[in-house]
Amino acid sequence: MILVVLAMKEEAKEILENQSFNKKVLLTGIGKVNAASQLAAFLATNKVDAIYNLGFAGASKPYVVGDVVLIEQASYHDFDLTLFGYKKGQVPGFPEVFLSSKKLIEDAKQKIHNLKTGQLFTGDYFMTEEKEESFVVDMEGAALYHVAFEKNIPILSIKVISDVMGMDNHFDSYKKFESEVGAKTLLEIYKLI
């Protein structure tokens, strides 16, 4: 079974109206704990061959609103044990970053055109700090990768950029994206995976 995981009803509304028989949709709610607990509970009673995390995400420049970004690696931006020798975002006993499945990356690149690639940072607050490298940010992704890593299930995240750090009229722009573009774009991605 292919499992498609999204956080919010606003992201999933078009997908839920056009579900495919060979893909199961799981809505987790917002935040790391919701994402991890809902995914772990689902995996406890279902056999899943691959996990696709779809959703809206913020980003740094040079990404722009509407970009479709294939996530190559994910980590936490609000987990910090660097004092003890870990990389920022690394959970003890786990890799420095969680990697997307190479096979799922290649499949997605063949099916979805105009994909950009990037790294995802996940945390339970709205990230505003700049980094040297470009990045994508959300509130669930790395937690889903964390659970998939524990269960040894291939995972890939594809995000549609809803807002960019430093943009004008941030909230209004996001609401317009959410109501006019976001869910439709996620439906097109869903149909191709």
Protein backbone atom coordinates (compact mmCIF):
# COMPACT_ATOMS: atom_id res chain seq x y z
CA MET A 1 0.00 0.00 0.00
CA ILE A 2 1.10 3.56 -0.72
CA LEU A 3 0.37 5.90 2.17
CA VAL A 4 -0.03 9.61 1.46
CA VAL A 5 0.36 11.70 4.62
CA LEU A 6 -0.80 15.30 4.98
CA ALA A 7 -1.21 17.49 8.05
CA MET A 8 -4.20 19.69 7.31
CA LYS A 9 -7.67 19.37 5.75
CA GLU A 10 -6.89 22.51 3.72
CA GLU A 11 -4.02 20.64 2.05
CA ALA A 12 -5.99 17.44 1.49
CA LYS A 13 -9.43 18.74 0.44
CA GLU A 14 -8.97 18.13 -3.32
CA ILE A 15 -7.23 14.80 -2.76
CA LEU A 16 -9.98 13.52 -0.46
CA GLU A 17 -12.54 14.23 -3.19
CA ASN A 18 -10.46 12.36 -5.81
CA GLN A 19 -8.93 9.43 -3.93
CA SER A 20 -7.33 6.57 -5.81
CA PHE A 21 -8.08 2.98 -4.74
CA ASN A 22 -4.37 2.12 -4.48
CA LYS A 23 -3.38 5.01 -2.19
CA LYS A 24 -4.51 5.53 1.40
CA VAL A 25 -4.65 9.08 2.77
CA LEU A 26 -3.75 9.87 6.39
CA LEU A 27 -4.40 13.28 7.97
CA THR A 28 -2.23 13.80 11.04
CA GLY A 29 -2.99 17.27 12.33
CA ILE A 30 -0.37 19.99 12.77
CA GLY A 31 2.90 19.50 14.66
CA LYS A 32 5.60 16.90 15.24
CA VAL A 33 3.83 14.91 17.95
CA ASN A 34 0.57 14.69 16.00
CA ALA A 35 2.44 13.62 12.87
CA ALA A 36 4.56 10.98 14.58
CA SER A 37 1.78 9.52 16.74
CA GLN A 38 -0.75 9.30 13.90
CA LEU A 39 1.74 7.69 11.52
CA ALA A 40 3.00 5.22 14.16
CA ALA A 41 -0.58 4.23 15.04
CA PHE A 42 -1.43 3.67 11.36
CA LEU A 43 1.72 1.59 10.75
CA ALA A 44 0.96 -0.58 13.79
CA THR A 45 -2.08 -2.05 12.02
CA ASN A 46 -1.33 -1.61 8.28
CA LYS A 47 1.37 -2.85 5.90
CA VAL A 48 2.78 0.12 4.01
CA ASP A 49 5.25 -0.16 1.12
CA ALA A 50 6.02 3.55 0.73
CA ILE A 51 5.13 6.83 2.45
CA TYR A 52 4.64 10.09 0.59
CA ASN A 53 4.36 13.25 2.68
CA LEU A 54 2.63 16.01 0.72
CA GLY A 55 1.86 19.47 1.99
CA PHE A 56 2.43 23.20 2.10
CA ALA A 57 5.71 24.56 3.39
CA GLY A 58 7.50 27.80 3.96
CA ALA A 59 10.90 28.42 2.42
CA SER A 60 13.85 30.73 2.13
CA LYS A 61 14.85 32.52 -1.04
CA PRO A 62 15.46 31.70 -3.87
CA TYR A 63 12.29 29.55 -3.67
CA VAL A 64 9.07 31.32 -4.67
CA VAL A 65 5.42 30.69 -3.83
CA GLY A 66 4.10 27.81 -5.92
CA ASP A 67 7.42 25.98 -6.34
CA VAL A 68 7.14 22.19 -6.04
CA VAL A 69 10.10 20.92 -4.01
CA LEU A 70 11.25 17.33 -3.71
CA ILE A 71 12.83 16.91 -0.28
CA GLU A 72 16.17 15.10 -0.33
CA GLN A 73 16.78 15.20 3.43
CA ALA A 74 14.94 16.24 6.58
CA SER A 75 15.95 17.24 10.09
CA TYR A 76 14.62 19.16 13.09
CA HIS A 77 15.38 22.88 13.49
CA ASP A 78 14.18 22.97 17.11
CA PHE A 79 16.17 20.04 18.54
CA ASP A 80 19.61 20.98 19.83
CA LEU A 81 22.09 18.77 21.68
CA THR A 82 25.17 20.35 20.09
CA LEU A 83 26.58 20.82 23.60
CA PHE A 84 26.98 17.02 23.71
CA GLY A 85 28.60 16.69 20.29
CA TYR A 86 25.54 16.09 18.14
CA LYS A 87 24.75 18.00 14.97
CA LYS A 88 21.96 20.56 15.44
CA GLY A 89 18.70 18.73 14.78
CA GLN A 90 20.16 15.27 15.40
CA VAL A 91 18.39 12.97 17.85
CA PRO A 92 20.78 10.63 19.74
CA GLY A 93 20.77 7.16 18.21
CA PHE A 94 19.60 8.46 14.83
CA PRO A 95 21.42 9.79 11.75
CA GLU A 96 22.41 13.45 11.45
CA VAL A 97 19.68 13.87 8.82
CA PHE A 98 16.90 11.61 7.56
CA LEU A 99 17.21 10.81 3.85
CA SER A 100 14.47 10.37 1.29
CA SER A 101 14.34 7.03 -0.51
CA LYS A 102 16.58 7.11 -3.60
CA LYS A 103 14.08 4.97 -5.52
CA LEU A 104 11.14 7.23 -4.65
CA ILE A 105 13.22 10.29 -5.64
CA GLU A 106 14.01 8.80 -9.05
CA ASP A 107 10.38 7.74 -9.61
CA ALA A 108 9.15 11.24 -8.72
CA LYS A 109 11.68 12.96 -10.98
CA GLN A 110 10.49 10.85 -13.92
CA LYS A 111 6.78 11.56 -13.30
CA ILE A 112 6.68 15.16 -12.04
CA HIS A 113 8.09 17.97 -14.16
CA ASN A 114 9.60 21.25 -12.94
CA LEU A 115 10.59 19.82 -9.58
CA LYS A 116 13.08 21.70 -7.49
CA THR A 117 15.03 19.91 -4.77
CA GLY A 118 15.81 20.94 -1.23
CA GLN A 119 16.35 20.15 2.40
CA LEU A 120 13.56 20.27 4.96
CA PHE A 121 13.76 21.64 8.49
CA THR A 122 10.90 20.75 10.86
CA GLY A 123 9.92 22.30 14.16
CA ASP A 124 7.01 23.23 16.37
CA TYR A 125 7.34 26.97 15.90
CA PHE A 126 7.17 29.17 12.83
CA MET A 127 10.83 29.40 11.81
CA THR A 128 12.11 32.84 10.88
CA GLU A 129 15.88 32.45 11.28
CA GLU A 130 17.94 32.66 8.11
CA LYS A 131 20.52 30.03 7.17
CA GLU A 132 23.38 30.22 4.70
CA GLU A 133 21.84 27.59 2.44
CA SER A 134 18.35 27.62 0.94
CA PHE A 135 15.78 25.47 2.72
CA VAL A 136 12.17 24.43 3.14
CA VAL A 137 10.46 24.49 6.54
CA ASP A 138 7.38 22.76 7.98
CA MET A 139 5.99 21.43 11.26
CA GLU A 140 5.64 17.66 10.54
CA GLY A 141 8.04 16.30 7.92
CA ALA A 142 11.11 15.26 9.93
CA ALA A 143 8.88 13.55 12.50
CA LEU A 144 7.38 11.43 9.70
CA TYR A 145 10.88 10.61 8.44
CA HIS A 146 11.85 9.70 12.01
CA VAL A 147 9.01 7.15 12.28
CA ALA A 148 9.65 5.81 8.76
CA PHE A 149 13.33 5.35 9.65
CA GLU A 150 12.40 3.37 12.77
CA LYS A 151 10.02 1.17 10.76
CA ASN A 152 12.39 0.87 7.76
CA ILE A 153 9.78 2.13 5.28
CA PRO A 154 10.81 4.22 2.24
CA ILE A 155 9.64 7.84 2.48
CA LEU A 156 9.60 10.91 0.26
CA SER A 157 8.27 14.38 0.93
CA ILE A 158 7.09 16.75 -1.78
CA LYS A 159 6.20 20.26 -0.64
CA VAL A 160 4.47 23.13 -2.38
CA ILE A 161 5.89 26.46 -1.26
CA SER A 162 3.15 28.55 0.33
CA ASP A 163 5.21 31.43 1.70
CA VAL A 164 8.77 32.74 1.61
CA MET A 165 10.64 34.34 4.49
CA GLY A 166 10.68 38.11 4.29
CA MET A 167 7.84 38.40 1.77
CA ASP A 168 5.40 41.33 1.87
CA ASN A 169 1.85 40.74 3.15
CA HIS A 170 2.91 37.32 4.43
CA PHE A 171 -0.38 36.24 6.03
CA ASP A 172 -2.61 37.52 3.22
CA SER A 173 -0.40 35.93 0.58
CA TYR A 174 -0.49 32.59 2.41
CA LYS A 175 -4.31 32.65 2.71
CA LYS A 176 -4.65 33.41 -1.01
CA PHE A 177 -2.28 30.54 -1.86
CA GLU A 178 -4.19 28.19 0.45
CA SER A 179 -7.60 28.99 -1.03
CA GLU A 180 -6.69 29.31 -4.71
CA VAL A 181 -3.63 27.23 -5.55
CA GLY A 182 -2.32 24.92 -2.83
CA ALA A 183 -4.77 22.02 -2.69
CA LYS A 184 -5.11 21.86 -6.48
CA THR A 185 -1.33 21.61 -6.89
CA LEU A 186 -1.18 18.83 -4.27
CA LEU A 187 -3.92 16.93 -6.13
CA GLU A 188 -1.86 17.04 -9.35
CA ILE A 189 1.16 15.66 -7.46
CA TYR A 190 -1.00 12.98 -5.81
CA LYS A 191 -2.22 11.79 -9.21
CA LEU A 192 1.36 11.38 -10.44
CA ILE A 193 2.90 9.48 -7.53
